[in-house]
Amino acid sequence: MTTLNEPGLQTLQFYATAVYPCSYIPGREARSQVAAPTHLINAELYSKLVEQGFRRSGLFTYRPHCDHCNACVPVRIDVARFHPKRNQRKSWNHHSDLVPRDLPLHWNDEHFALYEHYQHARHAGAGMDEDSRAQYTQFLLTSRVSSRLIEFRQPTGELKMVSIVDILDTGLSSVYTFFDPEAAGSLGTYGILWQIDRCRAMGLPWLYLGYWIQQSRKMMYKSRFQPYQLLYDGRWQDADKN
């Protein structure tokens, strides 16, 4: 058990979990540091925790705490300096007809059906493709911080994508996005561009994307949104300086 010295965080305690198989690098074991008790982690404290590399999965607030590995590096996009590349502009224009709707976290049968379709198509065999309704609810629809569900539909009403985001003091934290895996034009790219645009509209300087792992192909897309910063030894640094 440890504590963090950031003002306001002294009320929390931090525990290391037992080791478990790493989801991103085959053959490695992982461990997390968990913030507790969960009922004390409000929006203000969670913003401070994200600044120090934590992330949320339902009520579970954690950061990597592996014994012999530091491959997971927190990453955030510099919203003010970001300029989309040509292929990113193409994705933005391709999906410009989508209609976003900002909603509170809630259960929706149509959302869950899209989530299942996405998991089976993109992450078959990874475990999440077998999530029950209860697991989905616990993972994405349970929060004690300021969280929003954004659904994206075509003008005809067809659901194409759902994003869960947390609103922080210094930015948005992208919790999870799932979408129609058969859709053309890179919906995943569009979703991040939309969140960057939302940060700008809200006057927030950063979009937090969780962890970047150089050895994981699943995480490489995050480095395409430049400029971005990485958290090393408790300090956020521009990626081109590392």
C-alpha atoms as a PDB file:
ATOM      1  CA  MET A   1       0.000   0.000   0.000  1.00  0.00           C
ATOM      2  CA  THR A   2       1.292   3.463  -0.925  1.00  0.00           C
ATOM      3  CA  THR A   3       0.015   7.038  -0.998  1.00  0.00           C
ATOM      4  CA  LEU A   4       0.419   9.861  -3.494  1.00  0.00           C
ATOM      5  CA  ASN A   5       1.398  13.338  -2.305  1.00  0.00           C
ATOM      6  CA  GLU A   6      -0.663  15.375  -4.779  1.00  0.00           C
ATOM      7  CA  PRO A   7      -3.007  17.687  -2.789  1.00  0.00           C
ATOM      8  CA  GLY A   8      -6.372  16.003  -2.269  1.00  0.00           C
ATOM      9  CA  LEU A   9      -5.090  12.491  -2.901  1.00  0.00           C
ATOM     10  CA  GLN A  10      -3.955  11.821   0.657  1.00  0.00           C
ATOM     11  CA  THR A  11      -7.458  10.545   1.423  1.00  0.00           C
ATOM     12  CA  LEU A  12      -6.870   7.627  -0.963  1.00  0.00           C
ATOM     13  CA  GLN A  13      -4.891   4.440  -0.604  1.00  0.00           C
ATOM     14  CA  PHE A  14      -3.125   2.593  -3.398  1.00  0.00           C
ATOM     15  CA  TYR A  15      -2.812  -1.163  -3.669  1.00  0.00           C
ATOM     16  CA  ALA A  16      -0.890  -3.412  -6.052  1.00  0.00           C
ATOM     17  CA  THR A  17      -2.893  -6.250  -7.562  1.00  0.00           C
ATOM     18  CA  ALA A  18      -1.698  -9.806  -8.016  1.00  0.00           C
ATOM     19  CA  VAL A  19      -0.028 -10.539 -11.345  1.00  0.00           C
ATOM     20  CA  TYR A  20      -2.171 -11.494 -14.334  1.00  0.00           C
ATOM     21  CA  PRO A  21      -1.472 -12.246 -18.026  1.00  0.00           C
ATOM     22  CA  CYS A  22      -0.683  -9.117 -20.038  1.00  0.00           C
ATOM     23  CA  SER A  23      -3.362  -8.288 -22.601  1.00  0.00           C
ATOM     24  CA  TYR A  24      -0.977  -6.556 -25.000  1.00  0.00           C
ATOM     25  CA  ILE A  25       2.430  -8.271 -25.006  1.00  0.00           C
ATOM     26  CA  PRO A  26       2.269 -12.071 -25.297  1.00  0.00           C
ATOM     27  CA  GLY A  27       4.113 -14.024 -22.642  1.00  0.00           C
ATOM     28  CA  ARG A  28       4.365 -11.205 -20.132  1.00  0.00           C
ATOM     29  CA  GLU A  29       2.704 -10.753 -16.770  1.00  0.00           C
ATOM     30  CA  ALA A  30       1.100  -7.505 -15.653  1.00  0.00           C
ATOM     31  CA  ARG A  31       0.200  -5.875 -12.375  1.00  0.00           C
ATOM     32  CA  SER A  32      -1.873  -2.756 -11.636  1.00  0.00           C
ATOM     33  CA  GLN A  33      -1.885  -0.124  -8.920  1.00  0.00           C
ATOM     34  CA  VAL A  34      -5.456   0.522  -7.798  1.00  0.00           C
ATOM     35  CA  ALA A  35      -6.816   3.656  -6.101  1.00  0.00           C
ATOM     36  CA  ALA A  36      -9.276   3.079  -3.234  1.00  0.00           C
ATOM     37  CA  PRO A  37     -11.821   3.500  -1.799  1.00  0.00           C
ATOM     38  CA  THR A  38     -13.784   4.017  -4.973  1.00  0.00           C
ATOM     39  CA  HIS A  39     -16.572   6.059  -3.372  1.00  0.00           C
ATOM     40  CA  LEU A  40     -14.104   8.883  -2.605  1.00  0.00           C
ATOM     41  CA  ILE A  41     -12.940   9.244  -6.212  1.00  0.00           C
ATOM     42  CA  ASN A  42     -15.044  12.114  -7.519  1.00  0.00           C
ATOM     43  CA  ALA A  43     -14.492  14.133 -10.702  1.00  0.00           C
ATOM     44  CA  GLU A  44     -11.918  16.428  -9.077  1.00  0.00           C
ATOM     45  CA  LEU A  45      -9.788  13.629  -7.638  1.00  0.00           C
ATOM     46  CA  TYR A  46     -10.089  11.591 -10.801  1.00  0.00           C
ATOM     47  CA  SER A  47      -8.731  14.518 -12.832  1.00  0.00           C
ATOM     48  CA  LYS A  48      -5.669  14.573 -10.564  1.00  0.00           C
ATOM     49  CA  LEU A  49      -5.244  10.819 -10.900  1.00  0.00           C
ATOM     50  CA  VAL A  50      -5.378  10.939 -14.707  1.00  0.00           C
ATOM     51  CA  GLU A  51      -2.660  13.608 -14.600  1.00  0.00           C
ATOM     52  CA  GLN A  52      -0.521  10.999 -12.831  1.00  0.00           C
ATOM     53  CA  GLY A  53      -1.185   8.225 -15.322  1.00  0.00           C
ATOM     54  CA  PHE A  54      -4.294   6.557 -13.934  1.00  0.00           C
ATOM     55  CA  ARG A  55      -7.260   5.400 -15.981  1.00  0.00           C
ATOM     56  CA  ARG A  56     -10.763   4.165 -15.277  1.00  0.00           C
ATOM     57  CA  SER A  57     -12.616   0.950 -16.091  1.00  0.00           C
ATOM     58  CA  GLY A  58     -16.048   1.210 -14.496  1.00  0.00           C
ATOM     59  CA  LEU A  59     -15.417   2.015 -10.816  1.00  0.00           C
ATOM     60  CA  PHE A  60     -11.904   0.562 -11.049  1.00  0.00           C
ATOM     61  CA  THR A  61      -9.235   3.348 -11.167  1.00  0.00           C
ATOM     62  CA  TYR A  62      -5.784   1.993 -11.945  1.00  0.00           C
ATOM     63  CA  ARG A  63      -2.423   2.458 -13.614  1.00  0.00           C
ATOM     64  CA  PRO A  64       0.171  -0.112 -14.754  1.00  0.00           C
ATOM     65  CA  HIS A  65       2.463  -1.247 -11.940  1.00  0.00           C
ATOM     66  CA  CYS A  66       4.373  -4.130 -13.467  1.00  0.00           C
ATOM     67  CA  ASP A  67       7.426  -5.622 -11.778  1.00  0.00           C
ATOM     68  CA  HIS A  68       9.824  -5.783 -14.717  1.00  0.00           C
ATOM     69  CA  CYS A  69       8.152  -3.812 -17.489  1.00  0.00           C
ATOM     70  CA  ASN A  70       7.291  -0.170 -18.180  1.00  0.00           C
ATOM     71  CA  ALA A  71       5.946  -0.587 -21.701  1.00  0.00           C
ATOM     72  CA  CYS A  72       2.585   1.069 -20.944  1.00  0.00           C
ATOM     73  CA  VAL A  73       3.094   4.825 -21.218  1.00  0.00           C
ATOM     74  CA  PRO A  74       0.240   7.322 -20.631  1.00  0.00           C
ATOM     75  CA  VAL A  75      -0.410   9.449 -23.723  1.00  0.00           C
ATOM     76  CA  ARG A  76      -2.335  12.659 -24.362  1.00  0.00           C
ATOM     77  CA  ILE A  77      -2.910  14.737 -27.497  1.00  0.00           C
ATOM     78  CA  ASP A  78      -2.000  18.429 -27.511  1.00  0.00           C
ATOM     79  CA  VAL A  79      -5.322  19.778 -28.781  1.00  0.00           C
ATOM     80  CA  ALA A  80      -4.166  23.324 -29.580  1.00  0.00           C
ATOM     81  CA  ARG A  81      -1.229  22.186 -31.717  1.00  0.00           C
ATOM     82  CA  PHE A  82      -2.908  19.246 -33.411  1.00  0.00           C
ATOM     83  CA  HIS A  83      -3.360  19.472 -37.182  1.00  0.00           C
ATOM     84  CA  PRO A  84      -4.939  16.509 -39.002  1.00  0.00           C
ATOM     85  CA  LYS A  85      -2.992  14.712 -41.680  1.00  0.00           C
ATOM     86  CA  ARG A  86      -4.400  14.125 -45.141  1.00  0.00           C
ATOM     87  CA  ASN A  87      -5.836  10.670 -44.384  1.00  0.00           C
ATOM     88  CA  GLN A  88      -7.351  11.999 -41.155  1.00  0.00           C
ATOM     89  CA  ARG A  89      -9.048  14.829 -43.038  1.00  0.00           C
ATOM     90  CA  LYS A  90     -10.438  12.249 -45.464  1.00  0.00           C
ATOM     91  CA  SER A  91     -11.925  10.296 -42.571  1.00  0.00           C
ATOM     92  CA  TRP A  92     -13.434  13.463 -41.095  1.00  0.00           C
ATOM     93  CA  ASN A  93     -15.019  14.418 -44.402  1.00  0.00           C
ATOM     94  CA  HIS A  94     -16.201  10.868 -45.092  1.00  0.00           C
ATOM     95  CA  HIS A  95     -18.236  10.800 -41.878  1.00  0.00           C
ATOM     96  CA  SER A  96     -19.302  14.449 -41.836  1.00  0.00           C
ATOM     97  CA  ASP A  97     -22.959  13.431 -42.136  1.00  0.00           C
ATOM     98  CA  LEU A  98     -22.954  11.570 -38.811  1.00  0.00           C
ATOM     99  CA  VAL A  99     -25.177  13.119 -36.155  1.00  0.00           C
ATOM    100  CA  PRO A 100     -23.660  12.996 -32.640  1.00  0.00           C
ATOM    101  CA  ARG A 101     -25.890  12.902 -29.584  1.00  0.00           C
ATOM    102  CA  ASP A 102     -24.502  13.615 -26.102  1.00  0.00           C
ATOM    103  CA  LEU A 103     -26.247  11.456 -23.477  1.00  0.00           C
ATOM    104  CA  PRO A 104     -25.818  10.302 -19.871  1.00  0.00           C
ATOM    105  CA  LEU A 105     -24.591   6.753 -19.348  1.00  0.00           C
ATOM    106  CA  HIS A 106     -27.532   4.406 -19.836  1.00  0.00           C
ATOM    107  CA  TRP A 107     -28.452   0.950 -21.078  1.00  0.00           C
ATOM    108  CA  ASN A 108     -29.555   0.627 -24.695  1.00  0.00           C
ATOM    109  CA  ASP A 109     -30.160  -2.690 -26.480  1.00  0.00           C
ATOM    110  CA  GLU A 110     -28.997  -1.237 -29.788  1.00  0.00           C
ATOM    111  CA  HIS A 111     -25.730  -0.040 -28.244  1.00  0.00           C
ATOM    112  CA  PHE A 112     -25.042  -3.477 -26.772  1.00  0.00           C
ATOM    113  CA  ALA A 113     -25.755  -5.200 -30.092  1.00  0.00           C
ATOM    114  CA  LEU A 114     -23.224  -2.914 -31.816  1.00  0.00           C
ATOM    115  CA  TYR A 115     -20.711  -3.561 -29.002  1.00  0.00           C
ATOM    116  CA  GLU A 116     -21.041  -7.338 -29.461  1.00  0.00           C
ATOM    117  CA  HIS A 117     -20.698  -7.040 -33.238  1.00  0.00           C
ATOM    118  CA  TYR A 118     -17.581  -4.871 -32.845  1.00  0.00           C
ATOM    119  CA  GLN A 119     -15.947  -7.207 -30.329  1.00  0.00           C
ATOM    120  CA  HIS A 120     -16.549 -10.323 -32.411  1.00  0.00           C
ATOM    121  CA  ALA A 121     -15.179  -8.637 -35.538  1.00  0.00           C
ATOM    122  CA  ARG A 122     -12.179  -6.810 -34.041  1.00  0.00           C
ATOM    123  CA  HIS A 123     -11.256  -8.667 -30.849  1.00  0.00           C
ATOM    124  CA  ALA A 124     -12.396 -12.265 -31.287  1.00  0.00           C
ATOM    125  CA  GLY A 125     -10.860 -14.552 -28.691  1.00  0.00           C
ATOM    126  CA  ALA A 126      -9.668 -11.694 -26.464  1.00  0.00           C
ATOM    127  CA  GLY A 127     -12.392 -12.255 -23.879  1.00  0.00           C
ATOM    128  CA  MET A 128     -14.403  -9.088 -24.394  1.00  0.00           C
ATOM    129  CA  ASP A 129     -16.244 -10.745 -27.259  1.00  0.00           C
ATOM    130  CA  GLU A 130     -17.888 -12.907 -24.587  1.00  0.00           C
ATOM    131  CA  ASP A 131     -18.971 -10.040 -22.325  1.00  0.00           C
ATOM    132  CA  SER A 132     -22.411 -10.422 -20.786  1.00  0.00           C
ATOM    133  CA  ARG A 133     -24.833  -7.567 -20.344  1.00  0.00           C
ATOM    134  CA  ALA A 134     -23.709  -7.266 -16.730  1.00  0.00           C
ATOM    135  CA  GLN A 135     -20.028  -7.090 -17.722  1.00  0.00           C
ATOM    136  CA  TYR A 136     -20.753  -4.469 -20.388  1.00  0.00           C
ATOM    137  CA  THR A 137     -22.718  -2.400 -17.856  1.00  0.00           C
ATOM    138  CA  GLN A 138     -19.972  -2.664 -15.247  1.00  0.00           C
ATOM    139  CA  PHE A 139     -17.255  -1.768 -17.775  1.00  0.00           C
ATOM    140  CA  LEU A 140     -18.862   1.153 -19.609  1.00  0.00           C
ATOM    141  CA  LEU A 141     -22.027   2.325 -17.870  1.00  0.00           C
ATOM    142  CA  THR A 142     -20.811   2.523 -14.264  1.00  0.00           C
ATOM    143  CA  SER A 143     -19.039   5.712 -13.156  1.00  0.00           C
ATOM    144  CA  ARG A 144     -18.737   8.065 -10.194  1.00  0.00           C
ATOM    145  CA  VAL A 145     -17.066  10.806 -12.227  1.00  0.00           C
ATOM    146  CA  SER A 146     -18.346  13.125 -14.948  1.00  0.00           C
ATOM    147  CA  SER A 147     -18.937  10.698 -17.839  1.00  0.00           C
ATOM    148  CA  ARG A 148     -20.897  11.010 -21.055  1.00  0.00           C
ATOM    149  CA  LEU A 149     -22.069   8.616 -23.756  1.00  0.00           C
ATOM    150  CA  ILE A 150     -21.904   9.945 -27.310  1.00  0.00           C
ATOM    151  CA  GLU A 151     -23.799   8.049 -29.995  1.00  0.00           C
ATOM    152  CA  PHE A 152     -23.276   8.718 -33.681  1.00  0.00           C
ATOM    153  CA  ARG A 153     -26.038   8.010 -36.167  1.00  0.00           C
ATOM    154  CA  GLN A 154     -26.523   8.496 -39.860  1.00  0.00           C
ATOM    155  CA  PRO A 155     -29.299  10.921 -40.851  1.00  0.00           C
ATOM    156  CA  THR A 156     -31.452   7.841 -41.519  1.00  0.00           C
ATOM    157  CA  GLY A 157     -31.126   6.899 -37.839  1.00  0.00           C
ATOM    158  CA  GLU A 158     -28.724   3.969 -38.251  1.00  0.00           C
ATOM    159  CA  LEU A 159     -26.342   3.679 -35.283  1.00  0.00           C
ATOM    160  CA  LYS A 160     -22.699   3.677 -36.387  1.00  0.00           C
ATOM    161  CA  MET A 161     -20.571   4.398 -33.303  1.00  0.00           C
ATOM    162  CA  VAL A 162     -20.674   4.907 -29.527  1.00  0.00           C
ATOM    163  CA  SER A 163     -18.006   6.661 -27.441  1.00  0.00           C
ATOM    164  CA  ILE A 164     -17.696   6.894 -23.665  1.00  0.00           C
ATOM    165  CA  VAL A 165     -15.711   9.918 -22.441  1.00  0.00           C
ATOM    166  CA  ASP A 166     -14.861  11.351 -19.031  1.00  0.00           C
ATOM    167  CA  ILE A 167     -14.799  15.127 -18.535  1.00  0.00           C
ATOM    168  CA  LEU A 168     -11.700  16.217 -16.604  1.00  0.00           C
ATOM    169  CA  ASP A 169     -10.451  19.558 -15.342  1.00  0.00           C
ATOM    170  CA  THR A 170      -7.797  19.661 -18.070  1.00  0.00           C
ATOM    171  CA  GLY A 171      -9.327  17.670 -20.890  1.00  0.00           C
ATOM    172  CA  LEU A 172     -11.382  14.700 -21.988  1.00  0.00           C
ATOM    173  CA  SER A 173     -10.397  11.120 -21.258  1.00  0.00           C
ATOM    174  CA  SER A 174     -11.346   8.680 -24.000  1.00  0.00           C
ATOM    175  CA  VAL A 175     -12.680   5.649 -22.103  1.00  0.00           C
ATOM    176  CA  TYR A 176     -13.817   3.397 -24.955  1.00  0.00           C
ATOM    177  CA  THR A 177     -15.218   3.590 -28.471  1.00  0.00           C
ATOM    178  CA  PHE A 178     -16.933   0.877 -30.486  1.00  0.00           C
ATOM    179  CA  PHE A 179     -18.349   1.131 -33.983  1.00  0.00           C
ATOM    180  CA  ASP A 180     -19.637  -0.647 -37.045  1.00  0.00           C
ATOM    181  CA  PRO A 181     -16.587  -2.713 -38.071  1.00  0.00           C
ATOM    182  CA  GLU A 182     -17.773  -2.948 -41.679  1.00  0.00           C
ATOM    183  CA  ALA A 183     -18.034   0.812 -42.168  1.00  0.00           C
ATOM    184  CA  ALA A 184     -15.627   2.415 -44.626  1.00  0.00           C
ATOM    185  CA  GLY A 185     -13.582   5.511 -43.907  1.00  0.00           C
ATOM    186  CA  SER A 186     -11.991   4.635 -40.535  1.00  0.00           C
ATOM    187  CA  LEU A 187     -14.650   5.364 -37.949  1.00  0.00           C
ATOM    188  CA  GLY A 188     -12.067   4.937 -35.178  1.00  0.00           C
ATOM    189  CA  THR A 189     -10.005   7.811 -36.573  1.00  0.00           C
ATOM    190  CA  TYR A 190     -13.108   9.931 -36.936  1.00  0.00           C
ATOM    191  CA  GLY A 191     -14.057   9.248 -33.313  1.00  0.00           C
ATOM    192  CA  ILE A 192     -10.736  10.602 -32.019  1.00  0.00           C
ATOM    193  CA  LEU A 193     -10.937  13.627 -34.314  1.00  0.00           C
ATOM    194  CA  TRP A 194     -14.419  14.331 -32.984  1.00  0.00           C
ATOM    195  CA  GLN A 195     -13.144  14.166 -29.401  1.00  0.00           C
ATOM    196  CA  ILE A 196     -10.303  16.559 -30.254  1.00  0.00           C
ATOM    197  CA  ASP A 197     -12.831  18.937 -31.760  1.00  0.00           C
ATOM    198  CA  ARG A 198     -14.998  18.583 -28.642  1.00  0.00           C
ATOM    199  CA  CYS A 199     -12.023  19.473 -26.429  1.00  0.00           C
ATOM    200  CA  ARG A 200     -11.508  22.648 -28.443  1.00  0.00           C
ATOM    201  CA  ALA A 201     -15.174  23.576 -28.172  1.00  0.00           C
ATOM    202  CA  MET A 202     -15.003  23.103 -24.390  1.00  0.00           C
ATOM    203  CA  GLY A 203     -11.715  25.001 -24.021  1.00  0.00           C
ATOM    204  CA  LEU A 204      -9.865  21.914 -22.764  1.00  0.00           C
ATOM    205  CA  PRO A 205      -6.175  21.516 -23.710  1.00  0.00           C
ATOM    206  CA  TRP A 206      -5.726  17.727 -23.687  1.00  0.00           C
ATOM    207  CA  LEU A 207      -7.322  14.553 -24.968  1.00  0.00           C
ATOM    208  CA  TYR A 208      -6.139  11.613 -22.871  1.00  0.00           C
ATOM    209  CA  LEU A 209      -5.962   8.333 -24.810  1.00  0.00           C
ATOM    210  CA  GLY A 210      -4.958   5.938 -22.055  1.00  0.00           C
ATOM    211  CA  TYR A 211      -1.721   4.030 -22.700  1.00  0.00           C
ATOM    212  CA  TRP A 212       0.624   3.804 -25.653  1.00  0.00           C
ATOM    213  CA  ILE A 213       2.633   0.593 -25.990  1.00  0.00           C
ATOM    214  CA  GLN A 214       5.362   0.618 -28.608  1.00  0.00           C
ATOM    215  CA  GLN A 215       5.399  -3.186 -28.879  1.00  0.00           C
ATOM    216  CA  SER A 216       1.637  -3.446 -29.424  1.00  0.00           C
ATOM    217  CA  ARG A 217       0.208  -3.022 -32.917  1.00  0.00           C
ATOM    218  CA  LYS A 218      -3.193  -2.380 -31.333  1.00  0.00           C
ATOM    219  CA  MET A 219      -1.856   0.821 -29.783  1.00  0.00           C
ATOM    220  CA  MET A 220       0.097   2.216 -32.735  1.00  0.00           C
ATOM    221  CA  TYR A 221      -2.841   4.308 -33.982  1.00  0.00           C
ATOM    222  CA  LYS A 222      -2.450   6.647 -30.996  1.00  0.00           C
ATOM    223  CA  SER A 223       0.937   7.886 -32.204  1.00  0.00           C
ATOM    224  CA  ARG A 224      -0.625   9.097 -35.466  1.00  0.00           C
ATOM    225  CA  PHE A 225      -2.306  12.021 -33.691  1.00  0.00           C
ATOM    226  CA  GLN A 226       0.556  14.457 -33.374  1.00  0.00           C
ATOM    227  CA  PRO A 227       1.818  16.301 -31.445  1.00  0.00           C
ATOM    228  CA  TYR A 228       1.298  14.235 -28.325  1.00  0.00           C
ATOM    229  CA  GLN A 229       2.878  13.921 -24.901  1.00  0.00           C
ATOM    230  CA  LEU A 230       3.991  10.864 -22.925  1.00  0.00           C
ATOM    231  CA  LEU A 231       4.259  10.557 -19.143  1.00  0.00           C
ATOM    232  CA  TYR A 232       7.746   9.503 -18.040  1.00  0.00           C
ATOM    233  CA  ASP A 233       8.855   9.491 -14.397  1.00  0.00           C
ATOM    234  CA  GLY A 234       5.907  11.638 -13.368  1.00  0.00           C
ATOM    235  CA  ARG A 235       6.476  14.332 -16.020  1.00  0.00           C
ATOM    236  CA  TRP A 236       4.537  14.883 -19.238  1.00  0.00           C
ATOM    237  CA  GLN A 237       6.977  15.341 -22.104  1.00  0.00           C
ATOM    238  CA  ASP A 238       6.599  15.990 -25.805  1.00  0.00           C
ATOM    239  CA  ALA A 239       7.040  12.686 -27.614  1.00  0.00           C
ATOM    240  CA  ASP A 240       9.639  14.081 -30.033  1.00  0.00           C
ATOM    241  CA  LYS A 241      11.919  14.819 -27.049  1.00  0.00           C
ATOM    242  CA  ASN A 242      12.201  11.189 -25.989  1.00  0.00           C
END
